[in-house]
N, C-alpha and C. Protein backbone atom coordinates (compact mmCIF):
# COMPACT_ATOMS: atom_id res chain seq x y z
N UNK A 1 0.85 -1.19 0.00
CA UNK A 1 0.00 0.00 0.00
C UNK A 1 0.88 1.23 0.00
N UNK A 2 0.46 2.21 -0.77
CA UNK A 2 1.28 3.40 -0.96
C UNK A 2 0.59 4.66 -0.46
N UNK A 3 1.35 5.51 0.21
CA UNK A 3 0.89 6.83 0.61
C UNK A 3 1.20 7.76 -0.56
N UNK A 4 0.18 8.46 -1.05
CA UNK A 4 0.35 9.35 -2.21
C UNK A 4 0.49 10.79 -1.73
N UNK A 5 1.60 11.44 -2.11
CA UNK A 5 1.85 12.84 -1.75
C UNK A 5 1.93 13.63 -3.05
N UNK A 6 1.17 14.73 -3.13
CA UNK A 6 1.16 15.53 -4.35
C UNK A 6 0.94 17.01 -4.03
N UNK A 7 1.22 17.84 -5.04
CA UNK A 7 0.91 19.26 -4.94
C UNK A 7 -0.54 19.43 -5.35
N UNK A 8 -1.37 20.03 -4.49
CA UNK A 8 -2.79 20.16 -4.81
C UNK A 8 -3.06 21.24 -5.85
N UNK A 9 -4.10 21.04 -6.64
CA UNK A 9 -4.57 22.06 -7.57
C UNK A 9 -5.35 23.10 -6.76
N UNK A 10 -5.58 24.26 -7.35
CA UNK A 10 -6.38 25.31 -6.68
C UNK A 10 -7.78 24.77 -6.38
N UNK A 11 -8.33 23.99 -7.32
CA UNK A 11 -9.66 23.42 -7.12
C UNK A 11 -9.67 22.48 -5.92
N UNK A 12 -8.65 21.64 -5.79
CA UNK A 12 -8.56 20.69 -4.67
C UNK A 12 -8.39 21.44 -3.34
N UNK A 13 -7.62 22.52 -3.35
CA UNK A 13 -7.44 23.33 -2.13
C UNK A 13 -8.79 23.89 -1.68
N UNK A 14 -9.57 24.45 -2.62
CA UNK A 14 -10.90 24.99 -2.28
C UNK A 14 -11.79 23.88 -1.72
N UNK A 15 -11.75 22.71 -2.35
CA UNK A 15 -12.56 21.57 -1.92
C UNK A 15 -12.19 21.13 -0.50
N UNK A 16 -10.88 21.04 -0.22
CA UNK A 16 -10.42 20.57 1.09
C UNK A 16 -10.69 21.60 2.19
N UNK A 17 -10.74 22.88 1.87
CA UNK A 17 -10.99 23.92 2.88
C UNK A 17 -12.38 23.79 3.49
N UNK A 18 -13.29 23.05 2.84
CA UNK A 18 -14.63 22.83 3.38
C UNK A 18 -14.65 21.67 4.38
N UNK A 19 -13.53 20.95 4.50
CA UNK A 19 -13.45 19.77 5.37
C UNK A 19 -13.01 20.17 6.79
N UNK A 20 -13.26 19.30 7.77
CA UNK A 20 -12.85 19.59 9.15
C UNK A 20 -11.33 19.71 9.29
N UNK A 21 -10.91 20.27 10.41
CA UNK A 21 -9.48 20.43 10.71
C UNK A 21 -9.11 19.53 11.88
N UNK A 22 -7.94 18.90 11.78
CA UNK A 22 -7.37 18.06 12.84
C UNK A 22 -6.02 18.64 13.21
N UNK A 23 -5.72 18.70 14.50
CA UNK A 23 -4.43 19.21 14.98
C UNK A 23 -3.81 18.20 15.94
N UNK A 24 -2.47 18.12 15.90
CA UNK A 24 -1.77 17.18 16.79
C UNK A 24 -0.36 17.72 17.04
N UNK A 25 0.07 17.64 18.29
CA UNK A 25 1.41 18.07 18.69
C UNK A 25 2.45 17.06 18.21
N UNK A 26 3.72 17.41 18.38
CA UNK A 26 4.80 16.49 18.04
C UNK A 26 4.61 15.21 18.83
N UNK A 27 4.63 14.07 18.14
CA UNK A 27 4.39 12.78 18.79
C UNK A 27 4.67 11.65 17.80
N UNK A 28 4.67 10.43 18.34
CA UNK A 28 4.83 9.22 17.53
C UNK A 28 3.73 8.25 17.95
N UNK A 29 3.00 7.69 16.96
CA UNK A 29 1.92 6.76 17.28
C UNK A 29 1.63 5.86 16.09
N UNK A 30 1.06 4.69 16.37
CA UNK A 30 0.64 3.75 15.34
C UNK A 30 -0.78 4.13 14.89
N UNK A 31 -1.06 3.87 13.60
CA UNK A 31 -2.38 4.18 13.07
C UNK A 31 -2.77 3.18 12.01
N UNK A 32 -4.08 2.90 11.91
CA UNK A 32 -4.62 2.04 10.86
C UNK A 32 -5.82 2.74 10.24
N UNK A 33 -5.89 2.73 8.92
CA UNK A 33 -6.95 3.42 8.19
C UNK A 33 -8.10 2.47 7.86
N UNK A 34 -9.28 2.73 8.43
CA UNK A 34 -10.49 1.95 8.14
C UNK A 34 -11.10 2.38 6.81
N UNK A 35 -10.80 3.60 6.39
CA UNK A 35 -11.28 4.17 5.13
C UNK A 35 -10.14 4.96 4.51
N UNK A 36 -10.25 5.23 3.21
CA UNK A 36 -9.27 6.09 2.57
C UNK A 36 -9.38 7.49 3.17
N UNK A 37 -8.24 8.13 3.43
CA UNK A 37 -8.24 9.51 3.93
C UNK A 37 -7.42 10.38 2.98
N UNK A 38 -7.97 11.56 2.70
CA UNK A 38 -7.24 12.58 1.96
C UNK A 38 -7.09 13.77 2.90
N UNK A 39 -5.89 14.35 2.95
CA UNK A 39 -5.70 15.51 3.81
C UNK A 39 -4.81 16.55 3.13
N UNK A 40 -5.02 17.80 3.53
CA UNK A 40 -4.24 18.94 3.06
C UNK A 40 -3.57 19.54 4.28
N UNK A 41 -2.24 19.48 4.30
CA UNK A 41 -1.51 20.01 5.46
C UNK A 41 -1.40 21.52 5.41
N UNK A 42 -1.86 22.16 6.47
CA UNK A 42 -1.78 23.61 6.62
C UNK A 42 -0.50 23.99 7.36
N UNK A 43 -0.06 23.10 8.26
CA UNK A 43 1.16 23.30 9.04
C UNK A 43 1.73 21.94 9.38
N UNK A 44 3.03 21.90 9.64
CA UNK A 44 3.64 20.70 10.18
C UNK A 44 4.60 19.99 9.25
N UNK A 45 5.24 18.97 9.83
CA UNK A 45 6.17 18.10 9.11
C UNK A 45 6.00 16.70 9.70
N UNK A 46 5.77 15.72 8.83
CA UNK A 46 5.45 14.36 9.27
C UNK A 46 6.24 13.34 8.46
N UNK A 47 6.63 12.26 9.15
CA UNK A 47 7.15 11.08 8.46
C UNK A 47 6.25 9.92 8.84
N UNK A 48 5.70 9.25 7.83
CA UNK A 48 4.86 8.07 8.05
C UNK A 48 5.63 6.87 7.52
N UNK A 49 5.73 5.81 8.34
CA UNK A 49 6.40 4.59 7.93
C UNK A 49 5.37 3.47 7.88
N UNK A 50 5.23 2.85 6.69
CA UNK A 50 4.27 1.76 6.53
C UNK A 50 4.82 0.49 7.17
N UNK A 51 3.94 -0.49 7.37
CA UNK A 51 4.37 -1.72 8.04
C UNK A 51 5.40 -2.50 7.23
N UNK A 52 5.53 -2.21 5.91
CA UNK A 52 6.57 -2.86 5.11
C UNK A 52 7.86 -2.04 5.08
N UNK A 53 7.93 -0.97 5.91
CA UNK A 53 9.17 -0.23 6.07
C UNK A 53 9.37 0.97 5.15
N UNK A 54 8.38 1.29 4.32
CA UNK A 54 8.49 2.44 3.42
C UNK A 54 8.21 3.73 4.20
N UNK A 55 9.17 4.66 4.21
CA UNK A 55 9.00 5.94 4.91
C UNK A 55 8.64 7.02 3.89
N UNK A 56 7.62 7.80 4.21
CA UNK A 56 7.16 8.89 3.35
C UNK A 56 7.10 10.15 4.19
N UNK A 57 7.72 11.24 3.69
CA UNK A 57 7.69 12.52 4.40
C UNK A 57 6.81 13.51 3.66
N UNK A 58 6.10 14.33 4.43
CA UNK A 58 5.27 15.37 3.83
C UNK A 58 5.11 16.50 4.83
N UNK A 59 4.68 17.65 4.33
CA UNK A 59 4.55 18.82 5.19
C UNK A 59 3.59 19.85 4.63
N UNK A 60 3.71 21.06 5.14
CA UNK A 60 2.83 22.18 4.79
C UNK A 60 2.65 22.29 3.28
N UNK A 61 1.38 22.35 2.86
CA UNK A 61 1.05 22.52 1.45
C UNK A 61 0.83 21.24 0.68
N UNK A 62 1.20 20.09 1.27
CA UNK A 62 1.05 18.82 0.57
C UNK A 62 -0.37 18.27 0.69
N UNK A 63 -0.81 17.62 -0.38
CA UNK A 63 -2.06 16.87 -0.39
C UNK A 63 -1.66 15.40 -0.29
N UNK A 64 -2.17 14.71 0.73
CA UNK A 64 -1.74 13.34 1.01
C UNK A 64 -2.96 12.42 1.04
N UNK A 65 -2.83 11.25 0.40
CA UNK A 65 -3.90 10.26 0.39
C UNK A 65 -3.37 8.97 0.99
N UNK A 66 -4.10 8.47 2.01
CA UNK A 66 -3.77 7.22 2.69
C UNK A 66 -4.80 6.17 2.28
N UNK A 67 -4.36 5.01 1.76
CA UNK A 67 -5.32 3.99 1.33
C UNK A 67 -6.01 3.28 2.49
N UNK A 68 -7.23 2.84 2.25
CA UNK A 68 -7.97 2.02 3.22
C UNK A 68 -7.15 0.78 3.53
N UNK A 69 -7.06 0.43 4.82
CA UNK A 69 -6.35 -0.77 5.24
C UNK A 69 -4.89 -0.55 5.58
N UNK A 70 -4.36 0.65 5.32
CA UNK A 70 -2.95 0.95 5.61
C UNK A 70 -2.70 0.92 7.11
N UNK A 71 -1.63 0.24 7.51
CA UNK A 71 -1.15 0.27 8.90
C UNK A 71 0.20 0.96 8.86
N UNK A 72 0.37 1.95 9.75
CA UNK A 72 1.60 2.74 9.70
C UNK A 72 1.92 3.35 11.05
N UNK A 73 3.11 3.96 11.12
CA UNK A 73 3.53 4.70 12.31
C UNK A 73 3.70 6.16 11.89
N UNK A 74 3.03 7.05 12.60
CA UNK A 74 3.16 8.49 12.38
C UNK A 74 4.25 9.03 13.29
N UNK A 75 5.16 9.83 12.72
CA UNK A 75 6.16 10.56 13.49
C UNK A 75 5.96 12.04 13.14
N UNK A 76 5.27 12.75 14.03
CA UNK A 76 5.01 14.18 13.80
C UNK A 76 6.21 14.95 14.32
N UNK A 77 6.98 15.51 13.40
CA UNK A 77 8.22 16.22 13.74
C UNK A 77 7.97 17.69 14.07
N UNK A 78 6.95 18.27 13.44
CA UNK A 78 6.50 19.63 13.75
C UNK A 78 4.99 19.55 13.83
N UNK A 79 4.40 20.19 14.83
CA UNK A 79 2.96 20.11 15.08
C UNK A 79 2.15 20.24 13.79
N UNK A 80 1.11 19.40 13.67
CA UNK A 80 0.30 19.31 12.45
C UNK A 80 -1.05 20.00 12.62
N UNK A 81 -1.43 20.66 11.54
CA UNK A 81 -2.79 21.21 11.40
C UNK A 81 -3.18 20.89 9.97
N UNK A 82 -4.27 20.15 9.79
CA UNK A 82 -4.65 19.70 8.45
C UNK A 82 -6.17 19.64 8.28
N UNK A 83 -6.60 19.86 7.03
CA UNK A 83 -7.97 19.54 6.64
C UNK A 83 -7.96 18.06 6.29
N UNK A 84 -9.06 17.34 6.58
CA UNK A 84 -9.10 15.91 6.26
C UNK A 84 -10.49 15.49 5.81
N UNK A 85 -10.50 14.42 4.99
CA UNK A 85 -11.77 13.86 4.51
C UNK A 85 -11.58 12.35 4.36
N UNK A 86 -12.56 11.59 4.89
CA UNK A 86 -12.58 10.15 4.72
C UNK A 86 -13.54 9.81 3.60
N UNK A 87 -13.16 8.85 2.74
CA UNK A 87 -14.05 8.44 1.63
C UNK A 87 -14.78 7.17 1.99
């Protein structure tokens, strides 16, 4: 399973701004996705490591999609503030 990181289009930014906001301080925790999640980072720097050892880094301005069923470890290096949507 792959974490997709991309530069959002203006249309996608407008769409994501209508979604709720989640905030989290610097921390490390395990996470599993019951549904696909798309998020737009407003602040922060994160490294997510999948259970097969693939590390993906993303930060402010990135649009990130996590597939349903993904198990990973979040390492929040700088406090995160993001819009998010579950599909």
